[in-house]
Amino acid sequence: MLFTIVDALQSIKGNVAQCLSGDAIHRACRDEGYQWRERELNPAKSIHAFLLQVLHGNTARAHTIRLAGLSCSARVVKKLSRAVFAMISGATERELTSSLATNRGL
């Protein structure tokens, strides 16, 4: 079966948390020295919500909160450094590369 980029994006939209684990996000944040209290909007949920916002065409924050299934205020914004995003991006790239190699029998 041939998959397209649109198919891949649809799959990711419905499974953001499965495509990028909360543990990987929290590990990247800890490696950058972030500390947080366990609340509804922790770093993993913040990044998952951000990804949903981007995947849905940069939708409004209030809509993003609903898409992510959160009950917090749309005014809540967490700032994470570029280094955290770079670490998460690198980890995701390695995981995808490994997955592709496994699926292709490389």
Protein backbone atom coordinates (compact mmCIF):
# COMPACT_ATOMS: atom_id res chain seq x y z
CA MET A 1 0.00 0.00 0.00
CA LEU A 2 1.32 3.44 -0.95
CA PHE A 3 1.20 6.13 1.72
CA THR A 4 1.31 9.85 1.06
CA ILE A 5 2.46 12.73 3.20
CA VAL A 6 -1.21 13.59 3.75
CA ASP A 7 -1.80 10.06 5.10
CA ALA A 8 1.19 10.41 7.42
CA LEU A 9 0.04 13.80 8.71
CA GLN A 10 -3.48 12.48 9.34
CA SER A 11 -2.02 9.60 11.31
CA ILE A 12 0.18 11.93 13.38
CA LYS A 13 -2.71 14.33 14.04
CA GLY A 14 -4.65 11.51 15.65
CA ASN A 15 -1.71 10.09 17.60
CA VAL A 16 0.66 12.90 18.55
CA ALA A 17 1.39 11.42 21.97
CA GLN A 18 2.15 8.01 20.44
CA CYS A 19 4.44 9.51 17.80
CA LEU A 20 6.44 11.50 20.33
CA SER A 21 6.52 10.07 23.84
CA GLY A 22 6.06 12.17 26.91
CA ASP A 23 9.08 10.44 28.45
CA ALA A 24 11.32 11.65 25.60
CA ILE A 25 10.06 15.20 26.02
CA HIS A 26 10.54 15.15 29.79
CA ARG A 27 14.03 13.68 29.39
CA ALA A 28 14.98 16.49 26.99
CA CYS A 29 13.60 19.08 29.40
CA ARG A 30 15.47 17.59 32.36
CA ASP A 31 18.68 17.50 30.28
CA GLU A 32 18.22 21.25 29.72
CA GLY A 33 17.72 21.84 33.45
CA TYR A 34 13.98 22.48 33.42
CA GLN A 35 12.01 21.83 36.56
CA TRP A 36 8.24 21.68 36.76
CA ARG A 37 5.43 20.66 39.05
CA GLU A 38 3.14 17.89 37.90
CA ARG A 39 0.09 19.74 36.69
CA GLU A 40 -2.29 19.30 33.80
CA LEU A 41 -0.06 21.25 31.42
CA ASN A 42 3.39 19.70 31.85
CA PRO A 43 6.15 19.97 29.19
CA ALA A 44 4.96 16.89 27.29
CA LYS A 45 1.39 18.10 27.04
CA SER A 46 2.61 21.59 26.10
CA ILE A 47 4.65 20.24 23.20
CA HIS A 48 1.91 17.84 22.12
CA ALA A 49 -0.53 20.79 22.09
CA PHE A 50 1.98 22.88 20.12
CA LEU A 51 2.35 20.11 17.52
CA LEU A 52 -1.43 19.80 17.23
CA GLN A 53 -1.66 23.55 16.72
CA VAL A 54 0.87 23.40 13.87
CA LEU A 55 -0.66 20.27 12.31
CA HIS A 56 -4.07 21.94 12.28
CA GLY A 57 -2.86 24.94 10.30
CA ASN A 58 -1.73 27.12 13.20
CA THR A 59 -5.19 27.11 14.74
CA ALA A 60 -6.07 29.44 17.64
CA ARG A 61 -4.85 28.55 21.13
CA ALA A 62 -8.41 28.09 22.41
CA HIS A 63 -9.05 25.54 19.65
CA THR A 64 -5.70 23.88 20.36
CA ILE A 65 -6.67 23.43 24.01
CA ARG A 66 -9.85 21.62 22.89
CA LEU A 67 -7.94 19.51 20.33
CA ALA A 68 -5.50 18.44 23.02
CA GLY A 69 -8.32 17.58 25.43
CA LEU A 70 -7.05 20.00 28.07
CA SER A 71 -9.20 21.98 30.49
CA CYS A 72 -6.71 24.76 31.23
CA SER A 73 -6.97 28.36 30.14
CA ALA A 74 -5.92 29.26 26.60
CA ARG A 75 -3.88 32.05 28.17
CA VAL A 76 -1.42 29.55 29.65
CA VAL A 77 1.74 29.52 27.54
CA LYS A 78 4.86 27.56 28.38
CA LYS A 79 8.18 28.67 26.96
CA LEU A 80 10.65 25.94 26.21
CA SER A 81 14.07 26.61 24.79
CA ARG A 82 15.17 25.85 21.25
CA ALA A 83 17.60 23.35 22.75
CA VAL A 84 14.68 21.26 24.04
CA PHE A 85 13.04 21.30 20.61
CA ALA A 86 16.38 20.39 19.00
CA MET A 87 16.84 17.43 21.37
CA ILE A 88 13.30 16.21 20.73
CA SER A 89 13.72 16.68 16.99
CA GLY A 90 16.97 14.70 17.01
CA ALA A 91 15.46 11.88 19.05
CA THR A 92 12.44 11.74 16.76
CA GLU A 93 14.64 11.67 13.67
CA ARG A 94 16.70 8.78 15.07
CA GLU A 95 13.55 6.84 15.98
CA LEU A 96 11.98 7.38 12.54
CA THR A 97 15.20 6.42 10.77
CA SER A 98 15.44 3.25 12.85
CA SER A 99 11.80 2.44 12.21
CA LEU A 100 12.17 2.96 8.46
CA ALA A 101 15.29 0.79 8.37
CA THR A 102 13.48 -1.97 10.28
CA ASN A 103 10.42 -1.79 8.02
CA ARG A 104 12.57 -1.92 4.90
CA GLY A 105 14.74 -4.72 6.26
CA LEU A 106 17.94 -2.64 6.17
